[in-house]
Amino acid sequence: MSKDKIGLFSLTALVLSSMIGSGIFSLPQNMAEVAGAQALIIGWLITGVGIIFLGLSFFFLSRLKPELEGGVYPYAREGFGDLAGGLTAWGYWLCTAIGSVGYLVVAFEGIGTFVDSETNVIFGQGNTPWAIFGASVIVWLVHILITQGIREAAAVNLIATIVKTLPLFLFIGLALWYFSPDQFSQDFAGESLNRPVLDQIKSTMLITLWVFVGVEGASILSAHAKKKTDVGLATLLGILITLVLYVTITVLSLGILPREVIAQLPNPSMAAILEQLIGTSGKIIITFCLIVSVLASYMSWTMFSSEIPYQAAKTAVFPAILARKNQRNARIGGLWMTNLAIQFSLLLVLFTGKGYTVLIQISTAMILVPYVLVGTYLLKIALQQGAAWYIQFTGLMASLYGLWIVYAAGLDYLLLSFLLYLPGIAVFIYARYQHQGRLYFHHSEKIWLVAISLLFIWASYYSLTTFEWG
């Protein structure tokens, strides 16, 4: 029914909320540390073109295949088979569940800046017992909210997204007012870094490849959209708004303070820059915005995480219990699976420290592979259906961009991700037996199962002998 559906504004807010988390508040320092203004602009231009092609892939797929609901999972399954779909669903779900914990840690670290003192540390870096307790409360409050219906949760997210983006536009407005062309043109080529411009560009792209993770948000929740055509449009709107925010914030910052000064600022560096412009209130505004931002992002990712297991179970790739939903159409099976995993991960944060940080880096590499599959699936069906040349070209460019970000993210983390894929294979095998009453695999599936098992052995050896876990 339409009353349970999400409109264009809420879908766009979900895309924005999933992409704009905590990273944007540190981008000025992150960029200034590795590049001058010239390389920064070129890096954003290349990344912008790549991410727009990826967004266009979701846009065209939502029109060519409107019956496919759930985003990256059904595209992988439809294009490359049940096993590819199952591993995509597992990798995506695991990444979103583990990665969501980072938002909670950052939120309570931000709260700590208001309530902690040198003699009384309550939340610290977001990993103290009190911080983990507070984060756990948030987990289950969001759980209750989502069980009331995806439309209600999306409405709350829309409000939070508006609240968290207003200070960003305030920052941009003030930066435009105080912008100095002379300051911006100083060290334009980043000569003080003593690095070639091409190296600087590559360094910026290693940062920018992560900031658009979440672009698929609207397609993940396509089953809840009032109009299927809104899915692709919300994706493109979300990308364009986010791209404008990222580019203007990082570029304008270089017209306020020298690059080398910004490079030395503590993060979130946006707070320090705004403090330079309007005093202490600037730091307070940005810190508050950071807290709201990461909590809104957490809610978005929790909705995505609960949707993927539901879609996979509905098509017999995940166990049937995960296809359960309540009277309000909330994906209750996937939601419980997600929040139990998040609660367990919070305990890992409390007891393991740096080891958990590495786990996040490994799992995040798993979310990039589906982007390659989205581009290649569009290219495949565009060729099969004889679609217009620009749709075929979009699929090709999105595939190449997807391959680039997987490579740039680090092949060592991609290899180690096979340590986390093996439990996903166990889930897939169990679901296959549950739904078919027997274990039967196609010849290609057998080959892939053997290949993944060998990669698991290689990854295990690499993790024990070569990789530094911190």
Protein backbone atom coordinates (compact mmCIF):
# COMPACT_ATOMS: atom_id res chain seq x y z
CA MET A 1 0.00 0.00 0.00
CA SER A 2 1.17 3.56 -0.75
CA LYS A 3 0.97 4.58 2.92
CA ASP A 4 3.81 2.14 3.63
CA LYS A 5 5.96 3.51 0.79
CA ILE A 6 8.76 6.08 0.63
CA GLY A 7 8.66 9.15 -1.60
CA LEU A 8 11.39 10.83 -3.63
CA PHE A 9 12.53 13.21 -0.87
CA SER A 10 12.90 10.44 1.71
CA LEU A 11 14.72 8.19 -0.77
CA THR A 12 17.12 11.01 -1.64
CA ALA A 13 17.67 11.70 2.06
CA LEU A 14 18.57 8.04 2.58
CA VAL A 15 21.17 8.23 -0.19
CA LEU A 16 22.58 11.46 1.27
CA SER A 17 22.56 10.11 4.80
CA SER A 18 24.37 6.91 3.86
CA MET A 19 27.13 8.76 1.96
CA ILE A 20 27.55 11.75 4.27
CA GLY A 21 28.69 10.30 7.58
CA SER A 22 31.72 11.40 9.57
CA GLY A 23 34.23 11.55 6.72
CA ILE A 24 33.09 14.88 5.30
CA PHE A 25 34.08 16.69 8.50
CA SER A 26 37.68 15.53 8.14
CA LEU A 27 37.99 15.92 4.36
CA PRO A 28 39.69 19.36 4.37
CA GLN A 29 42.61 18.03 6.43
CA ASN A 30 42.69 14.65 4.65
CA MET A 31 42.95 16.34 1.25
CA ALA A 32 45.33 19.14 2.25
CA GLU A 33 47.71 16.57 3.70
CA VAL A 34 48.28 14.89 0.33
CA ALA A 35 47.53 17.42 -2.42
CA GLY A 36 47.49 21.02 -3.53
CA ALA A 37 44.46 22.75 -5.02
CA GLN A 38 45.28 21.73 -8.61
CA ALA A 39 45.51 18.01 -7.86
CA LEU A 40 42.49 18.19 -5.56
CA ILE A 41 40.29 19.64 -8.31
CA ILE A 42 41.49 17.09 -10.89
CA GLY A 43 41.00 14.23 -8.42
CA TRP A 44 37.42 15.31 -7.70
CA LEU A 45 36.75 15.68 -11.43
CA ILE A 46 37.87 12.11 -12.17
CA THR A 47 36.03 10.68 -9.16
CA GLY A 48 32.93 12.71 -9.99
CA VAL A 49 32.79 11.31 -13.52
CA GLY A 50 33.24 7.75 -12.22
CA ILE A 51 30.61 7.99 -9.51
CA ILE A 52 28.12 9.64 -11.87
CA PHE A 53 28.51 6.69 -14.27
CA LEU A 54 27.89 4.33 -11.34
CA GLY A 55 24.83 6.34 -10.36
CA LEU A 56 23.59 6.28 -13.95
CA SER A 57 23.96 2.48 -13.86
CA PHE A 58 21.46 2.31 -10.99
CA PHE A 59 19.28 4.82 -12.86
CA PHE A 60 19.17 2.77 -16.08
CA LEU A 61 18.79 -0.56 -14.27
CA SER A 62 15.79 0.78 -12.34
CA ARG A 63 14.15 1.36 -15.73
CA LEU A 64 15.40 -1.67 -17.65
CA LYS A 65 14.72 -4.06 -14.75
CA PRO A 66 12.04 -2.42 -12.54
CA GLU A 67 10.93 -5.83 -11.25
CA LEU A 68 14.27 -6.40 -9.49
CA GLU A 69 14.01 -5.10 -5.92
CA GLY A 70 16.84 -4.81 -3.42
CA GLY A 71 19.63 -3.16 -5.39
CA VAL A 72 23.04 -4.78 -5.59
CA TYR A 73 21.92 -8.30 -4.58
CA PRO A 74 19.29 -9.00 -7.28
CA TYR A 75 21.53 -7.46 -9.94
CA ALA A 76 24.38 -9.80 -8.99
CA ARG A 77 22.07 -12.84 -8.78
CA GLU A 78 20.20 -12.11 -12.00
CA GLY A 79 23.38 -11.42 -13.91
CA PHE A 80 25.78 -14.00 -12.51
CA GLY A 81 23.81 -16.71 -10.69
CA ASP A 82 22.71 -17.70 -7.20
CA LEU A 83 26.21 -18.14 -5.77
CA ALA A 84 27.38 -14.71 -6.94
CA GLY A 85 24.17 -13.24 -5.58
CA GLY A 86 24.55 -15.06 -2.27
CA LEU A 87 28.15 -13.94 -1.76
CA THR A 88 27.25 -10.39 -2.77
CA ALA A 89 24.42 -10.36 -0.24
CA TRP A 90 26.65 -11.82 2.47
CA GLY A 91 29.56 -9.45 1.80
CA TYR A 92 27.32 -6.41 1.61
CA TRP A 93 25.40 -7.33 4.76
CA LEU A 94 28.55 -8.12 6.73
CA CYS A 95 30.20 -4.86 5.70
CA THR A 96 27.18 -2.75 6.60
CA ALA A 97 26.71 -4.50 9.94
CA ILE A 98 30.36 -4.27 11.00
CA GLY A 99 30.90 -0.81 9.52
CA SER A 100 27.80 0.65 11.18
CA VAL A 101 29.50 0.25 14.53
CA GLY A 102 32.03 2.88 13.48
CA TYR A 103 29.24 5.47 13.35
CA LEU A 104 28.28 4.74 16.95
CA VAL A 105 31.89 4.98 18.10
CA VAL A 106 32.33 8.37 16.38
CA ALA A 107 29.01 9.64 17.79
CA PHE A 108 29.98 8.95 21.39
CA GLU A 109 33.49 10.30 20.84
CA GLY A 110 31.77 13.51 19.69
CA ILE A 111 29.50 13.53 22.75
CA GLY A 112 32.63 13.09 24.84
CA THR A 113 33.97 16.46 23.65
CA PHE A 114 31.05 18.09 25.51
CA VAL A 115 31.00 16.04 28.72
CA ASP A 116 34.53 14.64 29.22
CA SER A 117 37.31 16.39 31.11
CA GLU A 118 40.95 15.56 31.74
CA THR A 119 40.06 14.14 35.15
CA ASN A 120 36.75 12.53 34.23
CA VAL A 121 36.70 10.58 30.95
CA ILE A 122 33.24 9.10 30.32
CA PHE A 123 33.10 8.42 26.57
CA GLY A 124 36.74 8.97 25.55
CA GLN A 125 37.31 7.83 21.97
CA GLY A 126 33.93 6.12 21.86
CA ASN A 127 35.26 2.78 23.13
CA THR A 128 34.83 3.09 26.91
CA PRO A 129 32.32 0.91 28.80
CA TRP A 130 29.94 3.88 29.12
CA ALA A 131 30.25 4.62 25.39
CA ILE A 132 29.53 1.00 24.49
CA PHE A 133 26.54 1.00 26.84
CA GLY A 134 25.19 4.18 25.25
CA ALA A 135 25.79 2.79 21.76
CA SER A 136 23.93 -0.39 22.70
CA VAL A 137 20.94 1.68 23.81
CA ILE A 138 20.96 3.46 20.42
CA VAL A 139 21.10 0.09 18.61
CA TRP A 140 17.93 -1.18 20.22
CA LEU A 141 16.08 2.15 20.07
CA VAL A 142 16.70 2.23 16.30
CA HIS A 143 15.63 -1.44 16.18
CA ILE A 144 12.29 -0.51 17.78
CA LEU A 145 11.87 2.47 15.43
CA ILE A 146 12.40 0.38 12.29
CA THR A 147 9.97 -2.29 13.51
CA GLN A 148 7.30 0.43 13.43
CA GLY A 149 7.70 0.59 9.67
CA ILE A 150 10.27 1.69 7.11
CA ARG A 151 8.24 4.80 6.25
CA GLU A 152 8.41 6.06 9.83
CA ALA A 153 12.14 5.38 10.07
CA ALA A 154 12.72 7.11 6.72
CA ALA A 155 10.77 10.15 7.94
CA VAL A 156 13.01 10.43 11.01
CA ASN A 157 16.05 10.05 8.76
CA LEU A 158 14.76 12.84 6.48
CA ILE A 159 14.56 15.24 9.42
CA ALA A 160 18.02 14.21 10.66
CA THR A 161 19.48 14.64 7.17
CA ILE A 162 18.11 18.18 6.93
CA VAL A 163 19.51 18.99 10.38
CA LYS A 164 22.96 17.65 9.53
CA THR A 165 23.25 19.30 6.11
CA LEU A 166 22.22 22.82 7.17
CA PRO A 167 25.53 23.45 9.03
CA LEU A 168 27.38 22.20 5.94
CA PHE A 169 25.69 24.87 3.83
CA LEU A 170 26.47 27.39 6.61
CA PHE A 171 30.13 26.42 6.33
CA ILE A 172 30.04 26.83 2.55
CA GLY A 173 28.34 30.23 2.81
CA LEU A 174 30.89 31.54 5.31
CA ALA A 175 33.76 30.05 3.32
CA LEU A 176 32.54 31.87 0.20
CA TRP A 177 32.31 35.12 2.16
CA TYR A 178 35.83 34.84 3.60
CA PHE A 179 37.37 33.16 0.55
CA SER A 180 40.67 34.71 -0.54
CA PRO A 181 41.72 34.13 -4.18
CA ASP A 182 45.28 35.08 -3.26
CA GLN A 183 45.35 32.48 -0.49
CA PHE A 184 43.87 29.86 -2.82
CA SER A 185 46.41 30.49 -5.57
CA GLN A 186 49.39 30.15 -3.21
CA ASP A 187 51.08 26.79 -3.70
CA PHE A 188 48.33 25.91 -6.22
CA ALA A 189 50.34 22.98 -7.59
CA GLY A 190 51.29 21.71 -4.13
CA GLU A 191 55.00 22.29 -4.71
CA SER A 192 55.68 22.34 -0.97
CA LEU A 193 54.72 18.66 -0.87
CA ASN A 194 57.69 17.81 -3.11
CA ARG A 195 55.54 15.31 -5.00
CA PRO A 196 54.51 15.22 -8.68
CA VAL A 197 50.97 16.37 -9.39
CA LEU A 198 50.05 12.89 -10.69
CA ASP A 199 51.04 11.34 -7.36
CA GLN A 200 48.97 13.95 -5.57
CA ILE A 201 45.97 13.14 -7.76
CA LYS A 202 46.25 9.44 -7.00
CA SER A 203 46.43 10.19 -3.27
CA THR A 204 43.23 12.25 -3.43
CA MET A 205 41.45 9.45 -5.27
CA LEU A 206 42.44 6.94 -2.60
CA ILE A 207 40.48 9.16 -0.22
CA THR A 208 37.53 9.94 -2.50
CA LEU A 209 36.85 6.31 -3.41
CA TRP A 210 35.39 5.73 0.07
CA VAL A 211 33.24 8.83 0.42
CA PHE A 212 30.54 7.66 -1.99
CA VAL A 213 29.95 4.26 -0.39
CA GLY A 214 26.19 4.19 0.12
CA VAL A 215 25.31 5.42 -3.37
CA GLU A 216 23.16 2.30 -3.78
CA GLY A 217 20.87 3.22 -0.85
CA ALA A 218 17.74 4.04 -2.87
CA SER A 219 18.03 0.86 -4.95
CA ILE A 220 18.42 -1.27 -1.81
CA LEU A 221 15.05 0.02 -0.58
CA SER A 222 13.40 0.03 -4.03
CA ALA A 223 10.71 -2.36 -2.79
CA HIS A 224 9.50 0.44 -0.50
CA ALA A 225 9.47 3.21 -3.14
CA LYS A 226 6.16 4.82 -4.06
CA LYS A 227 7.29 4.96 -7.69
CA LYS A 228 10.02 2.78 -9.20
CA THR A 229 11.18 5.73 -11.29
CA ASP A 230 12.03 7.58 -8.05
CA VAL A 231 14.79 5.06 -7.27
CA GLY A 232 17.16 6.05 -10.06
CA LEU A 233 16.29 9.74 -9.72
CA ALA A 234 16.97 9.72 -5.96
CA THR A 235 20.34 8.07 -6.61
CA LEU A 236 21.39 10.75 -9.09
CA LEU A 237 20.12 13.60 -6.91
CA GLY A 238 21.94 12.18 -3.89
CA ILE A 239 25.20 11.86 -5.85
CA LEU A 240 25.03 15.39 -7.27
CA ILE A 241 24.21 17.03 -3.92
CA THR A 242 26.92 15.05 -2.13
CA LEU A 243 29.48 15.79 -4.85
CA VAL A 244 28.74 19.53 -4.64
CA LEU A 245 29.15 19.46 -0.84
CA TYR A 246 32.41 17.51 -0.95
CA VAL A 247 34.01 19.62 -3.68
CA THR A 248 33.01 23.03 -2.35
CA ILE A 249 34.00 22.27 1.25
CA THR A 250 37.46 20.96 0.34
CA VAL A 251 38.21 23.56 -2.36
CA LEU A 252 36.95 26.60 -0.43
CA SER A 253 38.92 25.58 2.66
CA LEU A 254 42.13 26.21 0.72
CA GLY A 255 41.03 29.82 0.23
CA ILE A 256 40.72 30.40 3.97
CA LEU A 257 43.88 28.88 5.45
CA PRO A 258 47.18 27.78 3.87
CA ARG A 259 47.30 24.15 2.75
CA GLU A 260 50.09 23.27 5.18
CA VAL A 261 48.09 24.74 8.10
CA ILE A 262 44.95 22.78 7.19
CA ALA A 263 47.07 19.62 6.85
CA GLN A 264 48.09 19.95 10.51
CA LEU A 265 44.60 20.61 11.92
CA PRO A 266 43.07 18.06 14.30
CA ASN A 267 39.99 16.26 13.01
CA PRO A 268 37.19 17.02 12.49
CA SER A 269 39.11 19.75 10.64
CA MET A 270 35.90 21.49 9.53
CA ALA A 271 35.32 22.41 13.17
CA ALA A 272 38.75 24.03 13.44
CA ILE A 273 38.23 26.00 10.20
CA LEU A 274 34.77 27.23 11.24
CA GLU A 275 36.20 28.13 14.64
CA GLN A 276 38.74 30.27 12.80
CA LEU A 277 35.86 32.09 11.06
CA ILE A 278 33.27 32.61 13.82
CA GLY A 279 34.95 31.54 17.05
CA THR A 280 34.21 28.73 19.51
CA SER A 281 30.57 28.48 18.41
CA GLY A 282 31.82 27.18 15.05
CA LYS A 283 33.47 24.19 16.68
CA ILE A 284 30.34 23.47 18.72
CA ILE A 285 28.10 23.64 15.63
CA ILE A 286 30.25 21.25 13.61
CA THR A 287 30.68 18.79 16.49
CA PHE A 288 26.91 18.71 17.04
CA CYS A 289 26.41 18.29 13.30
CA LEU A 290 28.91 15.42 13.32
CA ILE A 291 26.96 13.59 16.04
CA VAL A 292 23.63 14.00 14.23
CA SER A 293 25.26 13.02 10.94
CA VAL A 294 26.72 9.73 12.10
CA LEU A 295 23.55 8.73 13.95
CA ALA A 296 21.48 9.41 10.82
CA SER A 297 23.98 7.41 8.77
CA TYR A 298 23.75 4.58 11.28
CA MET A 299 19.97 4.48 10.89
CA SER A 300 20.24 4.40 7.08
CA TRP A 301 22.76 1.58 7.08
CA THR A 302 20.68 -0.42 9.56
CA MET A 303 17.74 -0.23 7.16
CA PHE A 304 19.95 -1.37 4.28
CA SER A 305 21.42 -4.19 6.38
CA SER A 306 18.01 -5.60 7.27
CA GLU A 307 16.73 -5.39 3.68
CA ILE A 308 19.49 -7.42 2.01
CA PRO A 309 18.99 -10.67 4.04
CA TYR A 310 15.24 -10.39 3.44
CA GLN A 311 15.65 -10.12 -0.33
CA ALA A 312 18.17 -12.99 -0.37
CA ALA A 313 15.94 -15.24 1.75
CA LYS A 314 12.92 -14.45 -0.42
CA THR A 315 14.80 -15.87 -3.41
CA ALA A 316 16.06 -18.99 -1.54
CA VAL A 317 19.68 -17.83 -1.28
CA PHE A 318 19.57 -17.15 2.50
CA PRO A 319 17.73 -19.21 5.17
CA ALA A 320 13.95 -18.84 5.14
CA ILE A 321 13.78 -17.37 8.66
CA LEU A 322 15.34 -14.16 7.33
CA ALA A 323 12.35 -13.58 5.03
CA ARG A 324 10.11 -12.84 8.00
CA LYS A 325 8.43 -9.45 8.25
CA ASN A 326 5.96 -8.01 10.74
CA GLN A 327 2.52 -6.46 10.23
CA ARG A 328 4.14 -3.11 9.41
CA ASN A 329 6.18 -4.70 6.62
CA ALA A 330 9.45 -4.29 8.55
CA ARG A 331 12.06 -6.93 7.64
CA ILE A 332 12.14 -8.35 11.14
CA GLY A 333 14.29 -11.41 10.38
CA GLY A 334 17.06 -9.39 8.75
CA LEU A 335 16.75 -6.68 11.41
CA TRP A 336 17.36 -9.11 14.27
CA MET A 337 20.28 -10.67 12.38
CA THR A 338 21.80 -7.22 11.81
CA ASN A 339 21.40 -5.83 15.30
CA LEU A 340 22.69 -8.95 17.02
CA ALA A 341 25.78 -8.72 14.80
CA ILE A 342 26.17 -5.02 15.66
CA GLN A 343 25.82 -5.72 19.37
CA PHE A 344 28.50 -8.41 19.15
CA SER A 345 30.74 -6.02 17.19
CA LEU A 346 30.36 -3.37 19.90
CA LEU A 347 31.75 -5.87 22.38
CA LEU A 348 34.68 -6.45 20.02
CA VAL A 349 35.34 -2.70 20.03
CA LEU A 350 35.44 -2.75 23.82
CA PHE A 351 37.80 -5.71 24.11
CA THR A 352 39.96 -5.75 20.95
CA GLY A 353 40.72 -2.13 19.99
CA LYS A 354 42.94 -1.96 16.89
CA GLY A 355 42.09 -5.48 15.77
CA TYR A 356 38.52 -4.35 15.18
CA THR A 357 39.72 -1.41 13.08
CA VAL A 358 41.46 -3.85 10.73
CA LEU A 359 38.28 -5.95 10.60
CA ILE A 360 36.37 -2.86 9.42
CA GLN A 361 38.95 -2.23 6.70
CA ILE A 362 38.74 -5.82 5.48
CA SER A 363 34.94 -5.94 5.48
CA THR A 364 34.67 -2.56 3.75
CA ALA A 365 36.59 -3.98 0.79
CA MET A 366 33.70 -6.43 0.41
CA ILE A 367 31.23 -3.65 -0.36
CA LEU A 368 33.21 -2.47 -3.39
CA VAL A 369 32.90 -5.73 -5.35
CA PRO A 370 29.11 -5.33 -5.86
CA TYR A 371 29.78 -1.99 -7.58
CA VAL A 372 31.76 -3.85 -10.26
CA LEU A 373 28.89 -6.30 -10.68
CA VAL A 374 26.33 -3.51 -11.07
CA GLY A 375 28.29 -1.96 -13.95
CA THR A 376 28.97 -5.28 -15.66
CA TYR A 377 25.34 -6.38 -15.27
CA LEU A 378 24.14 -3.17 -16.94
CA LEU A 379 26.65 -3.70 -19.75
CA LYS A 380 25.52 -7.32 -20.14
CA ILE A 381 21.78 -6.64 -20.43
CA ALA A 382 22.34 -3.49 -22.50
CA LEU A 383 24.21 -5.58 -25.08
CA GLN A 384 21.64 -8.39 -24.90
CA GLN A 385 18.68 -6.04 -25.36
CA GLY A 386 20.41 -3.84 -27.92
CA ALA A 387 19.97 -0.80 -25.71
CA ALA A 388 21.10 2.67 -26.76
CA TRP A 389 24.84 3.23 -27.10
CA TYR A 390 24.97 5.61 -24.14
CA ILE A 391 23.53 2.92 -21.84
CA GLN A 392 26.15 0.43 -23.03
CA PHE A 393 28.84 3.08 -22.57
CA THR A 394 27.58 3.79 -19.05
CA GLY A 395 27.85 0.10 -18.15
CA LEU A 396 31.39 -0.05 -19.52
CA MET A 397 32.57 3.08 -17.68
CA ALA A 398 30.89 2.03 -14.42
CA SER A 399 32.60 -1.38 -14.68
CA LEU A 400 36.01 0.22 -15.21
CA TYR A 401 35.44 2.61 -12.31
CA GLY A 402 34.36 -0.30 -10.10
CA LEU A 403 37.53 -2.23 -10.97
CA TRP A 404 39.62 0.84 -10.19
CA ILE A 405 38.18 1.36 -6.71
CA VAL A 406 38.58 -2.34 -5.85
CA TYR A 407 42.24 -2.15 -6.90
CA ALA A 408 42.88 1.20 -5.21
CA ALA A 409 41.32 0.04 -1.94
CA GLY A 410 44.12 -2.51 -1.54
CA LEU A 411 44.38 -6.01 -2.93
CA ASP A 412 45.66 -7.30 0.41
CA TYR A 413 42.35 -6.38 2.08
CA LEU A 414 40.44 -7.92 -0.83
CA LEU A 415 42.38 -11.16 -0.34
CA LEU A 416 41.75 -11.17 3.40
CA SER A 417 38.03 -10.65 2.77
CA PHE A 418 37.87 -14.31 1.72
CA LEU A 419 38.32 -15.13 5.41
CA LEU A 420 34.91 -13.52 5.90
CA TYR A 421 33.32 -14.98 2.75
CA LEU A 422 33.65 -18.58 3.97
CA PRO A 423 30.87 -18.26 6.59
CA GLY A 424 28.75 -16.81 3.78
CA ILE A 425 29.31 -19.96 1.75
CA ALA A 426 28.12 -22.00 4.74
CA VAL A 427 24.95 -19.87 4.89
CA PHE A 428 24.43 -20.33 1.14
CA ILE A 429 24.87 -24.13 1.34
CA TYR A 430 22.46 -24.37 4.28
CA ALA A 431 19.86 -22.26 2.43
CA ARG A 432 20.25 -24.39 -0.73
CA TYR A 433 19.63 -27.58 1.30
CA GLN A 434 16.72 -26.00 3.20
CA HIS A 435 14.90 -24.86 0.08
CA GLN A 436 15.70 -27.84 -2.20
CA GLY A 437 15.83 -30.66 0.34
CA ARG A 438 19.16 -31.74 -1.14
CA LEU A 439 22.54 -30.33 -2.08
CA TYR A 440 22.88 -29.76 -5.79
CA PHE A 441 25.36 -27.37 -7.39
CA HIS A 442 25.80 -26.37 -11.00
CA HIS A 443 29.18 -27.08 -12.57
CA SER A 444 30.15 -23.39 -12.51
CA GLU A 445 29.15 -23.16 -8.84
CA LYS A 446 31.41 -26.10 -7.99
CA ILE A 447 34.33 -24.38 -9.70
CA TRP A 448 33.71 -21.15 -7.79
CA LEU A 449 33.33 -22.98 -4.47
CA VAL A 450 36.69 -24.68 -5.00
CA ALA A 451 38.32 -21.39 -6.06
CA ILE A 452 36.98 -19.52 -3.03
CA SER A 453 38.11 -22.32 -0.71
CA LEU A 454 41.64 -22.09 -2.17
CA LEU A 455 41.60 -18.31 -1.76
CA PHE A 456 40.50 -18.81 1.84
CA ILE A 457 43.53 -21.04 2.46
CA TRP A 458 45.82 -18.48 0.81
CA ALA A 459 44.27 -15.66 2.85
CA SER A 460 44.68 -17.66 6.06
CA TYR A 461 48.37 -18.24 5.33
CA TYR A 462 48.86 -14.58 4.38
CA SER A 463 47.15 -13.37 7.55
CA LEU A 464 49.36 -15.55 9.75
CA THR A 465 52.71 -14.96 8.04
CA THR A 466 52.70 -11.56 6.32
CA PHE A 467 49.85 -9.24 7.25
CA GLU A 468 50.33 -6.81 10.13
CA TRP A 469 47.20 -6.71 12.28
CA GLY A 470 48.26 -3.67 14.30
